[in-house]
Amino acid sequence: MAEPDVLLLGEDLKKRFGEFGELKKLIETIEGEVKAINELNLRVGGNDEIGKQYHDQVDQATKDLSELVAKVREVVDKAGENGINLVKEFDYAKDTAAEIAASL
């Protein structure tokens, strides 16, 4: 059983936070696909009455999807960066504690 005031970190924490970069790349791929869909959507809808009805139904949804995917990418990127920085801080604290303990 862990002590109540002890934070336990998995040995693979650095690796797991590092994988956020791969996740970000996948989301960027999705962003590219959504952009291509949006561009195609603008061309295929047309400007006649049916096209206007189509755009009334679809344009805002595709804009919202683009914004959502961009936001998810930003959050994933920031979480990965912050996680790696956190691991560095924990490593520094562990090394500093070991140095202090060795000097006593």
C-alpha atoms as a PDB file:
ATOM      1  CA  MET A   1       0.000   0.000   0.000  1.00  0.00           C
ATOM      2  CA  ALA A   2       1.348   3.434  -0.936  1.00  0.00           C
ATOM      3  CA  GLU A   3       2.023   6.055   1.676  1.00  0.00           C
ATOM      4  CA  PRO A   4      -0.698   8.743   1.683  1.00  0.00           C
ATOM      5  CA  ASP A   5       1.572  11.679   0.770  1.00  0.00           C
ATOM      6  CA  VAL A   6       3.696   9.892  -1.833  1.00  0.00           C
ATOM      7  CA  LEU A   7       3.136  10.428  -5.536  1.00  0.00           C
ATOM      8  CA  LEU A   8       3.952   7.309  -7.534  1.00  0.00           C
ATOM      9  CA  LEU A   9       4.906   7.743 -11.168  1.00  0.00           C
ATOM     10  CA  GLY A  10       4.952   4.959 -13.664  1.00  0.00           C
ATOM     11  CA  GLU A  11       8.319   4.200 -15.210  1.00  0.00           C
ATOM     12  CA  ASP A  12       6.813   4.640 -18.655  1.00  0.00           C
ATOM     13  CA  LEU A  13       5.385   8.118 -17.962  1.00  0.00           C
ATOM     14  CA  LYS A  14       7.938   9.873 -20.195  1.00  0.00           C
ATOM     15  CA  LYS A  15       7.198   7.431 -23.026  1.00  0.00           C
ATOM     16  CA  ARG A  16       3.454   7.869 -22.679  1.00  0.00           C
ATOM     17  CA  PHE A  17       3.650  11.664 -22.758  1.00  0.00           C
ATOM     18  CA  GLY A  18       5.998  11.399 -25.726  1.00  0.00           C
ATOM     19  CA  GLU A  19       3.299   9.529 -27.632  1.00  0.00           C
ATOM     20  CA  PHE A  20       1.157  12.663 -27.600  1.00  0.00           C
ATOM     21  CA  GLY A  21       3.306  13.843 -30.530  1.00  0.00           C
ATOM     22  CA  GLU A  22       2.155  10.857 -32.569  1.00  0.00           C
ATOM     23  CA  LEU A  23      -1.439  11.585 -31.615  1.00  0.00           C
ATOM     24  CA  LYS A  24      -0.995  15.202 -32.714  1.00  0.00           C
ATOM     25  CA  LYS A  25       0.298  14.006 -36.117  1.00  0.00           C
ATOM     26  CA  LEU A  26      -2.791  11.828 -36.582  1.00  0.00           C
ATOM     27  CA  ILE A  27      -5.056  14.748 -35.704  1.00  0.00           C
ATOM     28  CA  GLU A  28      -3.177  16.947 -38.197  1.00  0.00           C
ATOM     29  CA  THR A  29      -3.903  14.302 -40.847  1.00  0.00           C
ATOM     30  CA  ILE A  30      -7.577  14.478 -39.921  1.00  0.00           C
ATOM     31  CA  GLU A  31      -7.410  18.280 -40.178  1.00  0.00           C
ATOM     32  CA  GLY A  32      -6.093  17.944 -43.723  1.00  0.00           C
ATOM     33  CA  GLU A  33      -8.896  15.575 -44.635  1.00  0.00           C
ATOM     34  CA  VAL A  34     -11.528  17.891 -43.131  1.00  0.00           C
ATOM     35  CA  LYS A  35     -10.042  20.812 -45.089  1.00  0.00           C
ATOM     36  CA  ALA A  36     -10.260  18.787 -48.322  1.00  0.00           C
ATOM     37  CA  ILE A  37     -13.886  17.886 -47.520  1.00  0.00           C
ATOM     38  CA  ASN A  38     -14.716  21.545 -46.889  1.00  0.00           C
ATOM     39  CA  GLU A  39     -13.134  22.645 -50.171  1.00  0.00           C
ATOM     40  CA  LEU A  40     -14.974  19.932 -52.086  1.00  0.00           C
ATOM     41  CA  ASN A  41     -18.190  20.819 -50.287  1.00  0.00           C
ATOM     42  CA  LEU A  42     -17.957  24.409 -51.528  1.00  0.00           C
ATOM     43  CA  ARG A  43     -17.545  23.240 -55.129  1.00  0.00           C
ATOM     44  CA  VAL A  44     -20.196  20.530 -55.267  1.00  0.00           C
ATOM     45  CA  GLY A  45     -23.026  22.369 -53.549  1.00  0.00           C
ATOM     46  CA  GLY A  46     -23.628  24.834 -56.347  1.00  0.00           C
ATOM     47  CA  ASN A  47     -25.333  28.223 -56.211  1.00  0.00           C
ATOM     48  CA  ASP A  48     -28.864  27.400 -57.336  1.00  0.00           C
ATOM     49  CA  GLU A  49     -31.765  27.029 -54.892  1.00  0.00           C
ATOM     50  CA  ILE A  50     -30.936  23.402 -54.074  1.00  0.00           C
ATOM     51  CA  GLY A  51     -27.269  24.370 -53.584  1.00  0.00           C
ATOM     52  CA  LYS A  52     -28.284  27.156 -51.206  1.00  0.00           C
ATOM     53  CA  GLN A  53     -30.400  24.729 -49.207  1.00  0.00           C
ATOM     54  CA  TYR A  54     -27.511  22.290 -49.164  1.00  0.00           C
ATOM     55  CA  HIS A  55     -25.082  24.950 -47.939  1.00  0.00           C
ATOM     56  CA  ASP A  56     -27.576  26.091 -45.296  1.00  0.00           C
ATOM     57  CA  GLN A  57     -27.513  22.543 -43.920  1.00  0.00           C
ATOM     58  CA  VAL A  58     -23.840  21.675 -44.328  1.00  0.00           C
ATOM     59  CA  ASP A  59     -21.593  24.740 -44.226  1.00  0.00           C
ATOM     60  CA  GLN A  60     -21.882  25.533 -40.519  1.00  0.00           C
ATOM     61  CA  ALA A  61     -21.463  21.888 -39.565  1.00  0.00           C
ATOM     62  CA  THR A  62     -18.255  21.550 -41.585  1.00  0.00           C
ATOM     63  CA  LYS A  63     -16.950  24.807 -40.102  1.00  0.00           C
ATOM     64  CA  ASP A  64     -17.748  23.522 -36.604  1.00  0.00           C
ATOM     65  CA  LEU A  65     -16.004  20.222 -37.359  1.00  0.00           C
ATOM     66  CA  SER A  66     -12.890  22.062 -38.537  1.00  0.00           C
ATOM     67  CA  GLU A  67     -12.828  24.165 -35.376  1.00  0.00           C
ATOM     68  CA  LEU A  68     -13.371  21.115 -33.163  1.00  0.00           C
ATOM     69  CA  VAL A  69     -10.534  19.143 -34.731  1.00  0.00           C
ATOM     70  CA  ALA A  70      -8.220  22.169 -34.462  1.00  0.00           C
ATOM     71  CA  LYS A  71      -9.102  22.574 -30.786  1.00  0.00           C
ATOM     72  CA  VAL A  72      -8.515  18.873 -30.083  1.00  0.00           C
ATOM     73  CA  ARG A  73      -5.082  19.155 -31.759  1.00  0.00           C
ATOM     74  CA  GLU A  74      -4.215  22.194 -29.633  1.00  0.00           C
ATOM     75  CA  VAL A  75      -5.269  20.457 -26.412  1.00  0.00           C
ATOM     76  CA  VAL A  76      -3.401  17.251 -27.250  1.00  0.00           C
ATOM     77  CA  ASP A  77      -0.292  19.225 -28.180  1.00  0.00           C
ATOM     78  CA  LYS A  78      -0.401  21.243 -24.957  1.00  0.00           C
ATOM     79  CA  ALA A  79      -1.060  18.155 -22.833  1.00  0.00           C
ATOM     80  CA  GLY A  80       1.936  16.410 -24.383  1.00  0.00           C
ATOM     81  CA  GLU A  81       4.204  19.420 -23.874  1.00  0.00           C
ATOM     82  CA  ASN A  82       3.051  19.946 -20.298  1.00  0.00           C
ATOM     83  CA  GLY A  83       3.401  16.255 -19.525  1.00  0.00           C
ATOM     84  CA  ILE A  84       6.971  16.134 -20.796  1.00  0.00           C
ATOM     85  CA  ASN A  85       7.795  19.259 -18.786  1.00  0.00           C
ATOM     86  CA  LEU A  86       6.223  17.677 -15.710  1.00  0.00           C
ATOM     87  CA  VAL A  87       8.318  14.533 -16.118  1.00  0.00           C
ATOM     88  CA  LYS A  88      11.446  16.718 -16.403  1.00  0.00           C
ATOM     89  CA  GLU A  89      10.493  18.512 -13.182  1.00  0.00           C
ATOM     90  CA  PHE A  90       9.955  15.210 -11.385  1.00  0.00           C
ATOM     91  CA  ASP A  91      13.294  13.908 -12.671  1.00  0.00           C
ATOM     92  CA  TYR A  92      15.001  17.084 -11.473  1.00  0.00           C
ATOM     93  CA  ALA A  93      13.332  16.819  -8.060  1.00  0.00           C
ATOM     94  CA  LYS A  94      14.329  13.162  -7.749  1.00  0.00           C
ATOM     95  CA  ASP A  95      17.945  13.923  -8.699  1.00  0.00           C
ATOM     96  CA  THR A  96      18.091  16.888  -6.339  1.00  0.00           C
ATOM     97  CA  ALA A  97      16.653  14.828  -3.477  1.00  0.00           C
ATOM     98  CA  ALA A  98      19.241  12.114  -4.145  1.00  0.00           C
ATOM     99  CA  GLU A  99      22.061  14.692  -4.092  1.00  0.00           C
ATOM    100  CA  ILE A 100      20.810  16.169  -0.834  1.00  0.00           C
ATOM    101  CA  ALA A 101      20.429  12.735   0.743  1.00  0.00           C
ATOM    102  CA  ALA A 102      23.954  11.775  -0.379  1.00  0.00           C
ATOM    103  CA  SER A 103      25.403  14.923   1.154  1.00  0.00           C
ATOM    104  CA  LEU A 104      23.934  14.251   4.605  1.00  0.00           C
END
